[in-house]
PDB file of N, CA and C in Angstrom:
ATOM      1  N   MET A   1      25.877  60.210  21.997  1.00  0.00           N
ATOM      2  CA  MET A   1      25.956  59.373  20.835  1.00  0.00           C
ATOM      3  C   MET A   1      26.414  57.995  21.265  1.00  0.00           C
ATOM      4  N   ALA A   2      25.631  56.995  21.039  1.00  0.00           N
ATOM      5  CA  ALA A   2      25.953  55.620  21.409  1.00  0.00           C
ATOM      6  C   ALA A   2      26.429  54.877  20.184  1.00  0.00           C
ATOM      7  N   THR A   3      27.447  54.055  20.394  1.00  0.00           N
ATOM      8  CA  THR A   3      28.014  53.271  19.309  1.00  0.00           C
ATOM      9  C   THR A   3      27.786  51.814  19.625  1.00  0.00           C
ATOM     10  N   SER A   4      27.415  51.051  18.632  1.00  0.00           N
ATOM     11  CA  SER A   4      27.168  49.634  18.845  1.00  0.00           C
ATOM     12  C   SER A   4      28.105  48.829  17.967  1.00  0.00           C
ATOM     13  N   ILE A   5      28.833  47.899  18.601  1.00  0.00           N
ATOM     14  CA  ILE A   5      29.723  47.014  17.868  1.00  0.00           C
ATOM     15  C   ILE A   5      29.351  45.595  18.255  1.00  0.00           C
ATOM     16  N   CYS A   6      29.126  44.765  17.271  1.00  0.00           N
ATOM     17  CA  CYS A   6      28.761  43.384  17.546  1.00  0.00           C
ATOM     18  C   CYS A   6      29.677  42.476  16.749  1.00  0.00           C
ATOM     19  N   ALA A   7      30.302  41.523  17.415  1.00  0.00           N
ATOM     20  CA  ALA A   7      31.200  40.589  16.735  1.00  0.00           C
ATOM     21  C   ALA A   7      30.439  39.309  16.459  1.00  0.00           C
ATOM     22  N   SER A   8      30.114  39.076  15.218  1.00  0.00           N
ATOM     23  CA  SER A   8      29.396  37.849  14.891  1.00  0.00           C
ATOM     24  C   SER A   8      30.091  37.085  13.774  1.00  0.00           C
ATOM     25  N   GLY A   9      31.385  37.311  13.619  1.00  0.00           N
ATOM     26  CA  GLY A   9      32.127  36.646  12.564  1.00  0.00           C
ATOM     27  C   GLY A   9      32.499  35.218  12.925  1.00  0.00           C
ATOM     28  N   PHE A  10      32.312  34.838  14.180  1.00  0.00           N
ATOM     29  CA  PHE A  10      32.671  33.497  14.607  1.00  0.00           C
ATOM     30  C   PHE A  10      31.503  32.547  14.384  1.00  0.00           C
ATOM     31  N   LYS A  11      31.752  31.297  14.413  1.00  0.00           N
ATOM     32  CA  LYS A  11      30.707  30.282  14.231  1.00  0.00           C
ATOM     33  C   LYS A  11      29.715  30.391  15.384  1.00  0.00           C
ATOM     34  N   GLY A  12      28.526  30.727  15.088  1.00  0.00           N
ATOM     35  CA  GLY A  12      27.485  30.859  16.113  1.00  0.00           C
ATOM     36  C   GLY A  12      27.416  32.241  16.726  1.00  0.00           C
ATOM     37  N   GLY A  13      28.296  33.159  16.375  1.00  0.00           N
ATOM     38  CA  GLY A  13      28.272  34.510  16.909  1.00  0.00           C
ATOM     39  C   GLY A  13      28.898  34.575  18.290  1.00  0.00           C
ATOM     40  N   LEU A  14      29.247  35.775  18.741  1.00  0.00           N
ATOM     41  CA  LEU A  14      29.891  35.962  20.027  1.00  0.00           C
ATOM     42  C   LEU A  14      28.885  36.336  21.098  1.00  0.00           C
ATOM     43  N   GLY A  15      27.854  37.034  20.745  1.00  0.00           N
ATOM     44  CA  GLY A  15      26.794  37.342  21.687  1.00  0.00           C
ATOM     45  C   GLY A  15      27.068  38.516  22.601  1.00  0.00           C
ATOM     46  N   THR A  16      28.154  39.308  22.395  1.00  0.00           N
ATOM     47  CA  THR A  16      28.402  40.474  23.228  1.00  0.00           C
ATOM     48  C   THR A  16      28.383  41.703  22.351  1.00  0.00           C
ATOM     49  N   SER A  17      27.989  42.797  22.920  1.00  0.00           N
ATOM     50  CA  SER A  17      27.958  44.063  22.204  1.00  0.00           C
ATOM     51  C   SER A  17      28.549  45.137  23.087  1.00  0.00           C
ATOM     52  N   PHE A  18      29.055  46.188  22.465  1.00  0.00           N
ATOM     53  CA  PHE A  18      29.602  47.331  23.176  1.00  0.00           C
ATOM     54  C   PHE A  18      28.665  48.500  22.941  1.00  0.00           C
ATOM     55  N   TYR A  19      28.144  49.061  24.025  1.00  0.00           N
ATOM     56  CA  TYR A  19      27.284  50.229  23.915  1.00  0.00           C
ATOM     57  C   TYR A  19      27.944  51.347  24.710  1.00  0.00           C
ATOM     58  N   GLY A  20      28.219  52.420  24.075  1.00  0.00           N
ATOM     59  CA  GLY A  20      28.825  53.546  24.773  1.00  0.00           C
ATOM     60  C   GLY A  20      29.618  54.381  23.806  1.00  0.00           C
ATOM     61  N   GLY A  21      30.133  55.465  24.294  1.00  0.00           N
ATOM     62  CA  GLY A  21      30.941  56.335  23.453  1.00  0.00           C
ATOM     63  C   GLY A  21      32.422  56.105  23.710  1.00  0.00           C
ATOM     64  N   TRP A  22      33.205  56.290  22.688  1.00  0.00           N
ATOM     65  CA  TRP A  22      34.655  56.115  22.839  1.00  0.00           C
ATOM     66  C   TRP A  22      35.248  57.228  23.686  1.00  0.00           C
ATOM     67  N   GLY A  23      34.649  58.368  23.697  1.00  0.00           N
ATOM     68  CA  GLY A  23      35.198  59.492  24.442  1.00  0.00           C
ATOM     69  C   GLY A  23      34.563  59.673  25.804  1.00  0.00           C
ATOM     70  N   SER A  24      33.751  58.735  26.255  1.00  0.00           N
ATOM     71  CA  SER A  24      33.088  58.918  27.546  1.00  0.00           C
ATOM     72  C   SER A  24      34.086  58.705  28.667  1.00  0.00           C
ATOM     73  N   GLY A  25      33.936  59.476  29.714  1.00  0.00           N
ATOM     74  CA  GLY A  25      34.821  59.361  30.868  1.00  0.00           C
ATOM     75  C   GLY A  25      34.009  59.481  32.134  1.00  0.00           C
ATOM     76  N   ILE A  26      34.667  59.496  33.240  1.00  0.00           N
ATOM     77  CA  ILE A  26      33.987  59.631  34.523  1.00  0.00           C
ATOM     78  C   ILE A  26      33.928  61.112  34.849  1.00  0.00           C
ATOM     79  N   ILE A  27      32.706  61.616  35.037  1.00  0.00           N
ATOM     80  CA  ILE A  27      32.550  63.027  35.341  1.00  0.00           C
ATOM     81  C   ILE A  27      31.596  63.173  36.511  1.00  0.00           C
ATOM     82  N   GLY A  28      31.632  64.331  37.124  1.00  0.00           N
ATOM     83  CA  GLY A  28      30.686  64.637  38.192  1.00  0.00           C
ATOM     84  C   GLY A  28      31.033  63.938  39.490  1.00  0.00           C
ATOM     85  N   GLU A  29      29.980  63.434  40.167  1.00  0.00           N
ATOM     86  CA  GLU A  29      30.138  62.829  41.490  1.00  0.00           C
ATOM     87  C   GLU A  29      30.972  61.556  41.449  1.00  0.00           C
ATOM     88  N   GLU A  30      30.847  60.773  40.372  1.00  0.00           N
ATOM     89  CA  GLU A  30      31.585  59.518  40.279  1.00  0.00           C
ATOM     90  C   GLU A  30      33.094  59.769  40.314  1.00  0.00           C
ATOM     91  N   HIS A  31      33.555  60.846  39.680  1.00  0.00           N
ATOM     92  CA  HIS A  31      34.979  61.156  39.645  1.00  0.00           C
ATOM     93  C   HIS A  31      35.488  61.468  41.049  1.00  0.00           C
ATOM     94  N   GLY A  32      34.768  62.279  41.804  1.00  0.00           N
ATOM     95  CA  GLY A  32      35.173  62.633  43.159  1.00  0.00           C
ATOM     96  C   GLY A  32      35.241  61.425  44.074  1.00  0.00           C
ATOM     97  N   VAL A  33      34.277  60.525  43.950  1.00  0.00           N
ATOM     98  CA  VAL A  33      34.265  59.316  44.772  1.00  0.00           C
ATOM     99  C   VAL A  33      35.463  58.430  44.435  1.00  0.00           C
ATOM    100  N   LEU A  34      35.743  58.320  43.154  1.00  0.00           N
ATOM    101  CA  LEU A  34      36.845  57.475  42.713  1.00  0.00           C
ATOM    102  C   LEU A  34      38.188  58.044  43.172  1.00  0.00           C
ATOM    103  N   VAL A  35      38.368  59.356  43.111  1.00  0.00           N
ATOM    104  CA  VAL A  35      39.616  59.983  43.523  1.00  0.00           C
ATOM    105  C   VAL A  35      39.827  59.792  45.018  1.00  0.00           C
ATOM    106  N   LYS A  36      38.751  59.893  45.816  1.00  0.00           N
ATOM    107  CA  LYS A  36      38.870  59.709  47.267  1.00  0.00           C
ATOM    108  C   LYS A  36      39.149  58.256  47.621  1.00  0.00           C
ATOM    109  N   ALA A  37      38.674  57.322  46.825  1.00  0.00           N
ATOM    110  CA  ALA A  37      38.838  55.904  47.130  1.00  0.00           C
ATOM    111  C   ALA A  37      40.259  55.418  46.865  1.00  0.00           C
ATOM    112  N   VAL A  38      40.969  56.052  45.944  1.00  0.00           N
ATOM    113  CA  VAL A  38      42.318  55.617  45.606  1.00  0.00           C
ATOM    114  C   VAL A  38      43.316  56.434  46.422  1.00  0.00           C
ATOM    115  N   PRO A  39      44.092  55.777  47.296  1.00  0.00           N
ATOM    116  CA  PRO A  39      45.061  56.525  48.101  1.00  0.00           C
ATOM    117  C   PRO A  39      46.235  56.987  47.246  1.00  0.00           C
ATOM    118  N   SER A  40      46.792  58.135  47.613  1.00  0.00           N
ATOM    119  CA  SER A  40      47.958  58.613  46.856  1.00  0.00           C
ATOM    120  C   SER A  40      49.199  57.922  47.418  1.00  0.00           C
ATOM    121  N   VAL A  41      49.990  57.404  46.526  1.00  0.00           N
ATOM    122  CA  VAL A  41      51.185  56.675  46.907  1.00  0.00           C
ATOM    123  C   VAL A  41      52.377  57.321  46.238  1.00  0.00           C
ATOM    124  N   ARG A  42      53.407  57.602  47.015  1.00  0.00           N
ATOM    125  CA  ARG A  42      54.633  58.162  46.451  1.00  0.00           C
ATOM    126  C   ARG A  42      55.569  57.007  46.139  1.00  0.00           C
ATOM    127  N   VAL A  43      56.067  57.018  44.946  1.00  0.00           N
ATOM    128  CA  VAL A  43      56.979  55.978  44.521  1.00  0.00           C
ATOM    129  C   VAL A  43      58.364  56.588  44.391  1.00  0.00           C
ATOM    130  N   ALA A  44      59.329  56.021  45.094  1.00  0.00           N
ATOM    131  CA  ALA A  44      60.694  56.519  45.031  1.00  0.00           C
ATOM    132  C   ALA A  44      61.342  56.103  43.717  1.00  0.00           C
ATOM    133  N   LYS A  45      62.282  56.906  43.274  1.00  0.00           N
ATOM    134  CA  LYS A  45      63.003  56.569  42.058  1.00  0.00           C
ATOM    135  C   LYS A  45      63.850  55.333  42.320  1.00  0.00           C
ATOM    136  N   PRO A  46      63.910  54.429  41.353  1.00  0.00           N
ATOM    137  CA  PRO A  46      64.726  53.239  41.554  1.00  0.00           C
ATOM    138  C   PRO A  46      66.209  53.613  41.618  1.00  0.00           C
ATOM    139  N   VAL A  47      66.926  52.935  42.470  1.00  0.00           N
ATOM    140  CA  VAL A  47      68.349  53.194  42.612  1.00  0.00           C
ATOM    141  C   VAL A  47      69.086  52.421  41.527  1.00  0.00           C
ATOM    142  N   ARG A  48      69.849  53.145  40.721  1.00  0.00           N
ATOM    143  CA  ARG A  48      70.603  52.499  39.640  1.00  0.00           C
ATOM    144  C   ARG A  48      71.974  52.129  40.169  1.00  0.00           C
ATOM    145  N   SER A  49      72.343  50.919  39.921  1.00  0.00           N
ATOM    146  CA  SER A  49      73.688  50.524  40.291  1.00  0.00           C
ATOM    147  C   SER A  49      74.652  50.995  39.211  1.00  0.00           C
ATOM    148  N   ARG A  50      75.829  51.400  39.638  1.00  0.00           N
ATOM    149  CA  ARG A  50      76.814  51.886  38.691  1.00  0.00           C
ATOM    150  C   ARG A  50      77.370  50.715  37.906  1.00  0.00           C
ATOM    151  N   PRO A  51      77.596  50.908  36.621  1.00  0.00           N
ATOM    152  CA  PRO A  51      78.157  49.807  35.827  1.00  0.00           C
ATOM    153  C   PRO A  51      79.563  49.464  36.308  1.00  0.00           C
ATOM    154  N   MET A  52      79.815  48.194  36.402  1.00  0.00           N
ATOM    155  CA  MET A  52      81.116  47.728  36.867  1.00  0.00           C
ATOM    156  C   MET A  52      81.949  47.325  35.667  1.00  0.00           C
ATOM    157  N   MET A  53      83.036  48.028  35.460  1.00  0.00           N
ATOM    158  CA  MET A  53      83.965  47.671  34.401  1.00  0.00           C
ATOM    159  C   MET A  53      85.139  46.998  35.092  1.00  0.00           C
ATOM    160  N   LYS A  54      84.982  45.744  35.363  1.00  0.00           N
ATOM    161  CA  LYS A  54      85.976  45.034  36.132  1.00  0.00           C
ATOM    162  C   LYS A  54      86.673  44.011  35.265  1.00  0.00           C
ATOM    163  N   ASN A  55      87.942  43.813  35.539  1.00  0.00           N
ATOM    164  CA  ASN A  55      88.741  42.845  34.831  1.00  0.00           C
ATOM    165  C   ASN A  55      88.388  41.453  35.347  1.00  0.00           C
ATOM    166  N   ILE A  56      88.010  40.551  34.451  1.00  0.00           N
ATOM    167  CA  ILE A  56      87.650  39.203  34.884  1.00  0.00           C
ATOM    168  C   ILE A  56      88.873  38.422  35.346  1.00  0.00           C
ATOM    169  N   ASN A  57      90.060  38.840  34.896  1.00  0.00           N
ATOM    170  CA  ASN A  57      91.299  38.175  35.294  1.00  0.00           C
ATOM    171  C   ASN A  57      92.027  38.938  36.396  1.00  0.00           C
ATOM    172  N   GLU A  58      91.288  39.738  37.169  1.00  0.00           N
ATOM    173  CA  GLU A  58      91.927  40.572  38.172  1.00  0.00           C
ATOM    174  C   GLU A  58      92.639  39.704  39.203  1.00  0.00           C
ATOM    175  N   GLY A  59      93.890  40.051  39.458  1.00  0.00           N
ATOM    176  CA  GLY A  59      94.683  39.294  40.415  1.00  0.00           C
ATOM    177  C   GLY A  59      95.368  38.091  39.802  1.00  0.00           C
ATOM    178  N   ARG A  60      95.081  37.796  38.551  1.00  0.00           N
ATOM    179  CA  ARG A  60      95.713  36.677  37.857  1.00  0.00           C
ATOM    180  C   ARG A  60      96.663  37.227  36.817  1.00  0.00           C
ATOM    181  N   GLY A  61      97.503  36.406  36.330  1.00  0.00           N
ATOM    182  CA  GLY A  61      98.441  36.812  35.294  1.00  0.00           C
ATOM    183  C   GLY A  61      99.839  36.936  35.858  1.00  0.00           C
ATOM    184  N   VAL A  62     100.799  36.885  34.980  1.00  0.00           N
ATOM    185  CA  VAL A  62     102.199  36.886  35.376  1.00  0.00           C
ATOM    186  C   VAL A  62     102.585  38.193  36.062  1.00  0.00           C
ATOM    187  N   PHE A  63     102.088  39.312  35.552  1.00  0.00           N
ATOM    188  CA  PHE A  63     102.513  40.608  36.061  1.00  0.00           C
ATOM    189  C   PHE A  63     101.585  41.191  37.131  1.00  0.00           C
ATOM    190  N   ALA A  64     100.530  40.502  37.492  1.00  0.00           N
ATOM    191  CA  ALA A  64      99.562  41.031  38.448  1.00  0.00           C
ATOM    192  C   ALA A  64     100.181  41.350  39.810  1.00  0.00           C
ATOM    193  N   PRO A  65     101.008  40.481  40.381  1.00  0.00           N
ATOM    194  CA  PRO A  65     101.588  40.835  41.690  1.00  0.00           C
ATOM    195  C   PRO A  65     102.445  42.102  41.642  1.00  0.00           C
ATOM    196  N   ILE A  66     103.195  42.284  40.558  1.00  0.00           N
ATOM    197  CA  ILE A  66     104.035  43.476  40.418  1.00  0.00           C
ATOM    198  C   ILE A  66     103.157  44.718  40.319  1.00  0.00           C
ATOM    199  N   VAL A  67     102.089  44.614  39.565  1.00  0.00           N
ATOM    200  CA  VAL A  67     101.171  45.740  39.386  1.00  0.00           C
ATOM    201  C   VAL A  67     100.520  46.108  40.719  1.00  0.00           C
ATOM    202  N   VAL A  68     100.096  45.113  41.489  1.00  0.00           N
ATOM    203  CA  VAL A  68      99.441  45.372  42.779  1.00  0.00           C
ATOM    204  C   VAL A  68     100.417  46.033  43.747  1.00  0.00           C
ATOM    205  N   VAL A  69     101.666  45.544  43.816  1.00  0.00           N
ATOM    206  CA  VAL A  69     102.667  46.131  44.710  1.00  0.00           C
ATOM    207  C   VAL A  69     102.962  47.569  44.293  1.00  0.00           C
ATOM    208  N   ALA A  70     103.110  47.815  42.991  1.00  0.00           N
ATOM    209  CA  ALA A  70     103.380  49.179  42.500  1.00  0.00           C
ATOM    210  C   ALA A  70     102.227  50.114  42.850  1.00  0.00           C
ATOM    211  N   ARG A  71     101.003  49.632  42.693  1.00  0.00           N
ATOM    212  CA  ARG A  71      99.836  50.467  43.010  1.00  0.00           C
ATOM    213  C   ARG A  71      99.799  50.805  44.500  1.00  0.00           C
ATOM    214  N   ASN A  72     100.142  49.842  45.346  1.00  0.00           N
ATOM    215  CA  ASN A  72     100.143  50.090  46.791  1.00  0.00           C
ATOM    216  C   ASN A  72     101.275  51.025  47.207  1.00  0.00           C
ATOM    217  N   LEU A  73     102.419  50.966  46.518  1.00  0.00           N
ATOM    218  CA  LEU A  73     103.557  51.814  46.873  1.00  0.00           C
ATOM    219  C   LEU A  73     103.350  53.266  46.489  1.00  0.00           C
ATOM    220  N   ILE A  74     102.875  53.514  45.264  1.00  0.00           N
ATOM    221  CA  ILE A  74     102.784  54.904  44.794  1.00  0.00           C
ATOM    222  C   ILE A  74     101.404  55.522  44.968  1.00  0.00           C
ATOM    223  N   GLY A  75     100.429  54.748  45.352  1.00  0.00           N
ATOM    224  CA  GLY A  75      99.085  55.275  45.551  1.00  0.00           C
ATOM    225  C   GLY A  75      98.227  55.068  44.314  1.00  0.00           C
ATOM    226  N   LYS A  76      96.946  54.885  44.566  1.00  0.00           N
ATOM    227  CA  LYS A  76      96.025  54.539  43.484  1.00  0.00           C
ATOM    228  C   LYS A  76      95.890  55.659  42.442  1.00  0.00           C
ATOM    229  N   LYS A  77      95.798  56.912  42.920  1.00  0.00           N
ATOM    230  CA  LYS A  77      95.587  58.024  41.997  1.00  0.00           C
ATOM    231  C   LYS A  77      96.780  58.190  41.057  1.00  0.00           C
ATOM    232  N   ARG A  78      97.972  58.241  41.624  1.00  0.00           N
ATOM    233  CA  ARG A  78      99.181  58.411  40.819  1.00  0.00           C
ATOM    234  C   ARG A  78      99.390  57.204  39.900  1.00  0.00           C
ATOM    235  N   PHE A  79      99.105  56.008  40.416  1.00  0.00           N
ATOM    236  CA  PHE A  79      99.241  54.794  39.616  1.00  0.00           C
ATOM    237  C   PHE A  79      98.328  54.835  38.392  1.00  0.00           C
ATOM    238  N   ASN A  80      97.079  55.252  38.595  1.00  0.00           N
ATOM    239  CA  ASN A  80      96.134  55.333  37.469  1.00  0.00           C
ATOM    240  C   ASN A  80      96.561  56.380  36.441  1.00  0.00           C
ATOM    241  N   GLN A  81      97.182  57.475  36.919  1.00  0.00           N
ATOM    242  CA  GLN A  81      97.697  58.471  35.985  1.00  0.00           C
ATOM    243  C   GLN A  81      98.816  57.880  35.126  1.00  0.00           C
ATOM    244  N   LEU A  82      99.740  57.179  35.764  1.00  0.00           N
ATOM    245  CA  LEU A  82     100.843  56.550  35.029  1.00  0.00           C
ATOM    246  C   LEU A  82     100.337  55.480  34.082  1.00  0.00           C
ATOM    247  N   ARG A  83      99.382  54.699  34.537  1.00  0.00           N
ATOM    248  CA  ARG A  83      98.815  53.650  33.678  1.00  0.00           C
ATOM    249  C   ARG A  83      98.141  54.273  32.455  1.00  0.00           C
ATOM    250  N   GLY A  84      97.406  55.364  32.670  1.00  0.00           N
ATOM    251  CA  GLY A  84      96.751  56.052  31.550  1.00  0.00           C
ATOM    252  C   GLY A  84      97.760  56.554  30.530  1.00  0.00           C
ATOM    253  N   LYS A  85      98.877  57.118  31.017  1.00  0.00           N
ATOM    254  CA  LYS A  85      99.919  57.587  30.097  1.00  0.00           C
ATOM    255  C   LYS A  85     100.532  56.419  29.331  1.00  0.00           C
ATOM    256  N   ALA A  86     100.761  55.302  30.022  1.00  0.00           N
ATOM    257  CA  ALA A  86     101.343  54.131  29.354  1.00  0.00           C
ATOM    258  C   ALA A  86     100.399  53.576  28.293  1.00  0.00           C
ATOM    259  N   ILE A  87      99.123  53.534  28.605  1.00  0.00           N
ATOM    260  CA  ILE A  87      98.131  53.039  27.635  1.00  0.00           C
ATOM    261  C   ILE A  87      98.065  53.968  26.431  1.00  0.00           C
ATOM    262  N   ALA A  88      98.100  55.287  26.678  1.00  0.00           N
ATOM    263  CA  ALA A  88      98.067  56.256  25.579  1.00  0.00           C
ATOM    264  C   ALA A  88      99.296  56.107  24.686  1.00  0.00           C
ATOM    265  N   LEU A  89     100.477  55.940  25.293  1.00  0.00           N
ATOM    266  CA  LEU A  89     101.697  55.755  24.503  1.00  0.00           C
ATOM    267  C   LEU A  89     101.629  54.469  23.690  1.00  0.00           C
ATOM    268  N   HIS A  90     101.120  53.416  24.291  1.00  0.00           N
ATOM    269  CA  HIS A  90     101.013  52.141  23.585  1.00  0.00           C
ATOM    270  C   HIS A  90     100.042  52.260  22.412  1.00  0.00           C
ATOM    271  N   SER A  91      98.937  52.967  22.609  1.00  0.00           N
ATOM    272  CA  SER A  91      97.984  53.183  21.515  1.00  0.00           C
ATOM    273  C   SER A  91      98.620  53.979  20.383  1.00  0.00           C
ATOM    274  N   GLN A  92      99.488  54.947  20.729  1.00  0.00           N
ATOM    275  CA  GLN A  92     100.191  55.729  19.697  1.00  0.00           C
ATOM    276  C   GLN A  92     101.153  54.846  18.916  1.00  0.00           C
ATOM    277  N   VAL A  93     101.828  53.936  19.616  1.00  0.00           N
ATOM    278  CA  VAL A  93     102.740  53.010  18.936  1.00  0.00           C
ATOM    279  C   VAL A  93     101.958  52.129  17.966  1.00  0.00           C
ATOM    280  N   ILE A  94     100.817  51.636  18.410  1.00  0.00           N
ATOM    281  CA  ILE A  94      99.972  50.807  17.541  1.00  0.00           C
ATOM    282  C   ILE A  94      99.514  51.614  16.329  1.00  0.00           C
ATOM    283  N   THR A  95      99.116  52.870  16.547  1.00  0.00           N
ATOM    284  CA  THR A  95      98.674  53.735  15.452  1.00  0.00           C
ATOM    285  C   THR A  95      99.794  53.966  14.442  1.00  0.00           C
ATOM    286  N   GLU A  96     100.990  54.250  14.922  1.00  0.00           N
ATOM    287  CA  GLU A  96     102.125  54.457  14.022  1.00  0.00           C
ATOM    288  C   GLU A  96     102.459  53.182  13.246  1.00  0.00           C
ATOM    289  N   PHE A  97     102.366  52.042  13.918  1.00  0.00           N
ATOM    290  CA  PHE A  97     102.604  50.769  13.252  1.00  0.00           C
ATOM    291  C   PHE A  97     101.585  50.559  12.133  1.00  0.00           C
ATOM    292  N   CYS A  98     100.317  50.851  12.422  1.00  0.00           N
ATOM    293  CA  CYS A  98      99.259  50.687  11.414  1.00  0.00           C
ATOM    294  C   CYS A  98      99.475  51.617  10.227  1.00  0.00           C
ATOM    295  N   LYS A  99      99.963  52.839  10.488  1.00  0.00           N
ATOM    296  CA  LYS A  99     100.250  53.766   9.395  1.00  0.00           C
ATOM    297  C   LYS A  99     101.374  53.229   8.520  1.00  0.00           C
ATOM    298  N   SER A 100     102.387  52.644   9.171  1.00  0.00           N
ATOM    299  CA  SER A 100     103.550  52.180   8.410  1.00  0.00           C
ATOM    300  C   SER A 100     103.229  50.966   7.541  1.00  0.00           C
ATOM    301  N   ILE A 101     102.282  50.130   7.978  1.00  0.00           N
ATOM    302  CA  ILE A 101     101.945  48.961   7.160  1.00  0.00           C
ATOM    303  C   ILE A 101     100.716  49.191   6.289  1.00  0.00           C
ATOM    304  N   GLY A 102     100.069  50.339   6.456  1.00  0.00           N
ATOM    305  CA  GLY A 102      98.923  50.678   5.618  1.00  0.00           C
ATOM    306  C   GLY A 102      97.610  50.062   6.078  1.00  0.00           C
ATOM    307  N   ALA A 103      97.478  49.790   7.378  1.00  0.00           N
ATOM    308  CA  ALA A 103      96.234  49.227   7.914  1.00  0.00           C
ATOM    309  C   ALA A 103      95.201  50.333   8.084  1.00  0.00           C
ATOM    310  N   ASP A 104      93.934  50.001   7.880  1.00  0.00           N
ATOM    311  CA  ASP A 104      92.874  51.002   8.023  1.00  0.00           C
ATOM    312  C   ASP A 104      92.472  51.148   9.497  1.00  0.00           C
ATOM    313  N   ALA A 105      91.537  52.069   9.758  1.00  0.00           N
ATOM    314  CA  ALA A 105      91.126  52.387  11.130  1.00  0.00           C
ATOM    315  C   ALA A 105      90.472  51.196  11.823  1.00  0.00           C
ATOM    316  N   LYS A 106      89.737  50.396  11.073  1.00  0.00           N
ATOM    317  CA  LYS A 106      89.064  49.238  11.666  1.00  0.00           C
ATOM    318  C   LYS A 106      90.086  48.205  12.154  1.00  0.00           C
ATOM    319  N   GLN A 107      91.116  47.982  11.363  1.00  0.00           N
ATOM    320  CA  GLN A 107      92.171  47.051  11.773  1.00  0.00           C
ATOM    321  C   GLN A 107      92.943  47.599  12.960  1.00  0.00           C
ATOM    322  N   ARG A 108      93.190  48.917  12.971  1.00  0.00           N
ATOM    323  CA  ARG A 108      93.874  49.551  14.097  1.00  0.00           C
ATOM    324  C   ARG A 108      93.083  49.381  15.386  1.00  0.00           C
ATOM    325  N   GLN A 109      91.778  49.606  15.296  1.00  0.00           N
ATOM    326  CA  GLN A 109      90.923  49.449  16.478  1.00  0.00           C
ATOM    327  C   GLN A 109      90.937  48.005  16.968  1.00  0.00           C
ATOM    328  N   GLY A 110      90.980  47.054  16.039  1.00  0.00           N
ATOM    329  CA  GLY A 110      91.054  45.648  16.417  1.00  0.00           C
ATOM    330  C   GLY A 110      92.350  45.335  17.143  1.00  0.00           C
ATOM    331  N   LEU A 111      93.465  45.922  16.687  1.00  0.00           N
ATOM    332  CA  LEU A 111      94.739  45.712  17.363  1.00  0.00           C
ATOM    333  C   LEU A 111      94.750  46.315  18.768  1.00  0.00           C
ATOM    334  N   ILE A 112      94.133  47.474  18.928  1.00  0.00           N
ATOM    335  CA  ILE A 112      94.051  48.101  20.255  1.00  0.00           C
ATOM    336  C   ILE A 112      93.216  47.237  21.192  1.00  0.00           C
ATOM    337  N   ARG A 113      92.105  46.687  20.698  1.00  0.00           N
ATOM    338  CA  ARG A 113      91.288  45.786  21.529  1.00  0.00           C
ATOM    339  C   ARG A 113      92.075  44.533  21.905  1.00  0.00           C
ATOM    340  N   LEU A 114      92.829  43.998  20.959  1.00  0.00           N
ATOM    341  CA  LEU A 114      93.638  42.819  21.228  1.00  0.00           C
ATOM    342  C   LEU A 114      94.695  43.122  22.292  1.00  0.00           C
ATOM    343  N   ALA A 115      95.298  44.299  22.224  1.00  0.00           N
ATOM    344  CA  ALA A 115      96.285  44.696  23.226  1.00  0.00           C
ATOM    345  C   ALA A 115      95.650  44.786  24.606  1.00  0.00           C
ATOM    346  N   LYS A 116      94.429  45.294  24.671  1.00  0.00           N
ATOM    347  CA  LYS A 116      93.733  45.389  25.960  1.00  0.00           C
ATOM    348  C   LYS A 116      93.448  43.999  26.525  1.00  0.00           C
ATOM    349  N   LYS A 117      92.976  43.097  25.680  1.00  0.00           N
ATOM    350  CA  LYS A 117      92.698  41.727  26.135  1.00  0.00           C
ATOM    351  C   LYS A 117      93.970  41.043  26.617  1.00  0.00           C
ATOM    352  N   ASN A 118      95.061  41.224  25.877  1.00  0.00           N
ATOM    353  CA  ASN A 118      96.331  40.631  26.306  1.00  0.00           C
ATOM    354  C   ASN A 118      96.811  41.225  27.610  1.00  0.00           C
ATOM    355  N   GLY A 119      96.640  42.536  27.780  1.00  0.00           N
ATOM    356  CA  GLY A 119      97.019  43.194  29.041  1.00  0.00           C
ATOM    357  C   GLY A 119      96.230  42.658  30.213  1.00  0.00           C
ATOM    358  N   GLU A 120      94.936  42.383  30.003  1.00  0.00           N
ATOM    359  CA  GLU A 120      94.118  41.796  31.058  1.00  0.00           C
ATOM    360  C   GLU A 120      94.600  40.406  31.419  1.00  0.00           C
ATOM    361  N   LYS A 121      94.904  39.589  30.397  1.00  0.00           N
ATOM    362  CA  LYS A 121      95.345  38.205  30.641  1.00  0.00           C
ATOM    363  C   LYS A 121      96.700  38.160  31.334  1.00  0.00           C
ATOM    364  N   LEU A 122      97.590  39.076  30.965  1.00  0.00           N
ATOM    365  CA  LEU A 122      98.928  39.078  31.554  1.00  0.00           C
ATOM    366  C   LEU A 122      98.961  39.694  32.951  1.00  0.00           C
ATOM    367  N   GLY A 123      97.915  40.428  33.322  1.00  0.00           N
ATOM    368  CA  GLY A 123      97.853  41.004  34.651  1.00  0.00           C
ATOM    369  C   GLY A 123      98.240  42.460  34.720  1.00  0.00           C
ATOM    370  N   PHE A 124      98.428  43.128  33.585  1.00  0.00           N
ATOM    371  CA  PHE A 124      98.782  44.541  33.610  1.00  0.00           C
ATOM    372  C   PHE A 124      97.630  45.419  34.090  1.00  0.00           C
ATOM    373  N   LEU A 125      96.406  44.932  33.953  1.00  0.00           N
ATOM    374  CA  LEU A 125      95.243  45.734  34.350  1.00  0.00           C
ATOM    375  C   LEU A 125      94.660  45.252  35.669  1.00  0.00           C
ATOM    376  N   ALA A 126      95.495  44.612  36.489  1.00  0.00           N
ATOM    377  CA  ALA A 126      95.045  44.092  37.796  1.00  0.00           C
ATOM    378  C   ALA A 126      94.784  45.213  38.757  1.00  0.00           C
TER     379      ALA A 126
END
């Protein structure tokens, strides 16, 4: 079944036509020749870089030298555990404060974000 499409809506007509079937494909000998002509290429998966969550003020701030010395003295793993506990306690204090003044969850989350930004600027997250 051949289909004919002619575009003549333009000024003077287009002069091209499409003859063929929409479902026609390459079959028989043509397919084998085409498959042999195209070499198989293995493509490696792209290497994804890990997202870096780094403090832009790292090494700066009033408390940064103290934080760096403490981290070097007690070790990185133990230091991160202590820092996590301190952050959790601070978040609980903020939550209790928000409950006492009647702030909603959105305001509480804003205060926690503000505390994180201030901690970065002061050097606590160095």
